[in-house]
C-alpha atoms as a PDB file:
ATOM      1  CA  MET A   1      13.341  -2.470 -29.152  1.00  0.00           C
ATOM      2  CA  GLU A   2      14.503  -3.209 -25.650  1.00  0.00           C
ATOM      3  CA  GLU A   3      12.949  -6.616 -25.539  1.00  0.00           C
ATOM      4  CA  ASN A   4      13.438  -7.365 -29.120  1.00  0.00           C
ATOM      5  CA  ILE A   5      16.675  -6.281 -30.449  1.00  0.00           C
ATOM      6  CA  PHE A   6      18.808  -5.206 -28.066  1.00  0.00           C
ATOM      7  CA  PRO A   7      19.527  -8.337 -26.107  1.00  0.00           C
ATOM      8  CA  LEU A   8      19.873 -10.230 -29.698  1.00  0.00           C
ATOM      9  CA  PRO A   9      23.609 -11.410 -29.681  1.00  0.00           C
ATOM     10  CA  ALA A  10      25.007  -9.124 -32.706  1.00  0.00           C
ATOM     11  CA  VAL A  11      23.228  -6.048 -30.654  1.00  0.00           C
ATOM     12  CA  ALA A  12      23.942  -6.782 -26.951  1.00  0.00           C
ATOM     13  CA  GLY A  13      27.399  -7.715 -28.097  1.00  0.00           C
ATOM     14  CA  ILE A  14      28.242  -3.796 -29.180  1.00  0.00           C
ATOM     15  CA  LEU A  15      25.967  -2.281 -26.616  1.00  0.00           C
ATOM     16  CA  GLU A  16      27.993  -4.211 -23.977  1.00  0.00           C
ATOM     17  CA  ASN A  17      31.540  -3.739 -25.356  1.00  0.00           C
ATOM     18  CA  GLU A  18      32.108  -0.945 -27.553  1.00  0.00           C
ATOM     19  CA  MET A  19      29.230   1.444 -25.803  1.00  0.00           C
ATOM     20  CA  VAL A  20      27.720   3.358 -22.922  1.00  0.00           C
ATOM     21  CA  GLU A  21      23.938   2.971 -23.313  1.00  0.00           C
ATOM     22  CA  ALA A  22      21.563   5.826 -21.844  1.00  0.00           C
ATOM     23  CA  ARG A  23      18.377   6.054 -22.346  1.00  0.00           C
ATOM     24  CA  LEU A  24      15.758   8.753 -22.185  1.00  0.00           C
ATOM     25  CA  HIS A  25      12.411   7.655 -21.645  1.00  0.00           C
ATOM     26  CA  ASN A  26       9.614  10.612 -21.684  1.00  0.00           C
ATOM     27  CA  ASP A  27       6.856   8.461 -20.615  1.00  0.00           C
ATOM     28  CA  ASP A  28       7.152   9.205 -17.124  1.00  0.00           C
ATOM     29  CA  PHE A  29       3.738   9.580 -14.906  1.00  0.00           C
ATOM     30  CA  ASP A  30       5.727  12.559 -12.888  1.00  0.00           C
ATOM     31  CA  PRO A  31       5.164  16.047 -14.875  1.00  0.00           C
ATOM     32  CA  GLU A  32       7.942  17.758 -13.912  1.00  0.00           C
ATOM     33  CA  ILE A  33      10.550  14.622 -14.721  1.00  0.00           C
ATOM     34  CA  LYS A  34       8.547  13.865 -18.102  1.00  0.00           C
ATOM     35  CA  GLU A  35       8.939  18.015 -18.744  1.00  0.00           C
ATOM     36  CA  ARG A  36      12.563  17.764 -18.161  1.00  0.00           C
ATOM     37  CA  VAL A  37      13.076  14.399 -20.170  1.00  0.00           C
ATOM     38  CA  VAL A  38      11.045  16.109 -23.198  1.00  0.00           C
ATOM     39  CA  ALA A  39      12.906  18.980 -22.867  1.00  0.00           C
ATOM     40  CA  LEU A  40      16.604  17.051 -22.933  1.00  0.00           C
ATOM     41  CA  GLN A  41      15.167  15.052 -25.772  1.00  0.00           C
ATOM     42  CA  LEU A  42      14.561  18.230 -27.878  1.00  0.00           C
ATOM     43  CA  GLU A  43      17.396  19.517 -27.173  1.00  0.00           C
ATOM     44  CA  MET A  44      19.608  16.259 -28.118  1.00  0.00           C
ATOM     45  CA  THR A  45      17.381  15.834 -31.449  1.00  0.00           C
ATOM     46  CA  SER A  46      15.554  18.686 -32.191  1.00  0.00           C
ATOM     47  CA  SER A  47      12.158  16.102 -32.318  1.00  0.00           C
ATOM     48  CA  TYR A  48       9.618  14.817 -29.991  1.00  0.00           C
ATOM     49  CA  THR A  49       9.531  11.993 -32.009  1.00  0.00           C
ATOM     50  CA  THR A  50      10.302   8.372 -30.833  1.00  0.00           C
ATOM     51  CA  PRO A  51      12.106   6.378 -30.756  1.00  0.00           C
ATOM     52  CA  ILE A  52      15.554   7.876 -31.959  1.00  0.00           C
ATOM     53  CA  TYR A  53      18.684   6.810 -31.468  1.00  0.00           C
ATOM     54  CA  LEU A  54      21.832   8.456 -31.043  1.00  0.00           C
ATOM     55  CA  VAL A  55      25.429   7.547 -30.832  1.00  0.00           C
ATOM     56  CA  LEU A  56      27.827  10.253 -29.626  1.00  0.00           C
ATOM     57  CA  ASP A  57      31.196  10.882 -29.120  1.00  0.00           C
ATOM     58  CA  PRO A  58      31.946  10.352 -25.656  1.00  0.00           C
ATOM     59  CA  VAL A  59      34.268  13.254 -25.495  1.00  0.00           C
ATOM     60  CA  THR A  60      32.933  15.800 -27.674  1.00  0.00           C
ATOM     61  CA  GLY A  61      29.410  14.827 -27.449  1.00  0.00           C
ATOM     62  CA  GLU A  62      29.359  15.187 -31.342  1.00  0.00           C
ATOM     63  CA  VAL A  63      26.322  13.166 -32.875  1.00  0.00           C
ATOM     64  CA  LEU A  64      28.352  10.303 -34.966  1.00  0.00           C
ATOM     65  CA  GLY A  65      24.749   8.344 -35.954  1.00  0.00           C
ATOM     66  CA  ARG A  66      21.075   8.912 -35.825  1.00  0.00           C
ATOM     67  CA  ARG A  67      18.211   6.649 -36.520  1.00  0.00           C
ATOM     68  CA  ASP A  68      14.763   8.149 -36.102  1.00  0.00           C
ATOM     69  CA  GLY A  69      12.324   5.047 -35.759  1.00  0.00           C
ATOM     70  CA  ALA A  70      12.692   1.510 -34.990  1.00  0.00           C
ATOM     71  CA  LEU A  71      15.029  -0.797 -36.647  1.00  0.00           C
ATOM     72  CA  LEU A  72      13.458  -4.219 -36.379  1.00  0.00           C
ATOM     73  CA  GLU A  73      16.220  -6.446 -37.777  1.00  0.00           C
ATOM     74  CA  GLU A  74      18.987  -7.273 -35.876  1.00  0.00           C
ATOM     75  CA  ALA A  75      21.807  -7.163 -38.466  1.00  0.00           C
ATOM     76  CA  ALA A  76      20.536  -3.829 -39.801  1.00  0.00           C
ATOM     77  CA  PHE A  77      20.627  -2.063 -35.955  1.00  0.00           C
ATOM     78  CA  ALA A  78      24.062  -3.729 -35.448  1.00  0.00           C
ATOM     79  CA  ASP A  79      25.152  -2.349 -38.526  1.00  0.00           C
ATOM     80  CA  PHE A  80      24.028   0.841 -37.477  1.00  0.00           C
ATOM     81  CA  LEU A  81      25.690   0.906 -34.368  1.00  0.00           C
ATOM     82  CA  ARG A  82      29.078  -0.098 -36.059  1.00  0.00           C
ATOM     83  CA  THR A  83      28.778   2.218 -38.875  1.00  0.00           C
ATOM     84  CA  ALA A  84      28.192   4.963 -36.290  1.00  0.00           C
ATOM     85  CA  ALA A  85      30.744   4.106 -33.759  1.00  0.00           C
ATOM     86  CA  ALA A  86      33.754   3.859 -36.807  1.00  0.00           C
ATOM     87  CA  LYS A  87      32.845   7.585 -36.948  1.00  0.00           C
ATOM     88  CA  LYS A  88      34.599   8.242 -33.837  1.00  0.00           C
ATOM     89  CA  GLY A  89      37.667  10.038 -34.152  1.00  0.00           C
END
């Protein structure tokens, strides 16, 4: 996703212009960092599964959209982002 979908024009435009992007990578070699990241992932998603994509309201932290698993079509992922962002109050 990071190499094949995020850079594509429809997705990149939304990520760069309409959102603040943050990523959790739970594959760190440092056991302490990995443990903290996995704990945060579990707290935010109630799942150990990867990848999971969340769109959060920046003020309330409310989950506006969630996608479990990769979505390897540019238009479909862009639509997921747009639909989630449209729910923002």
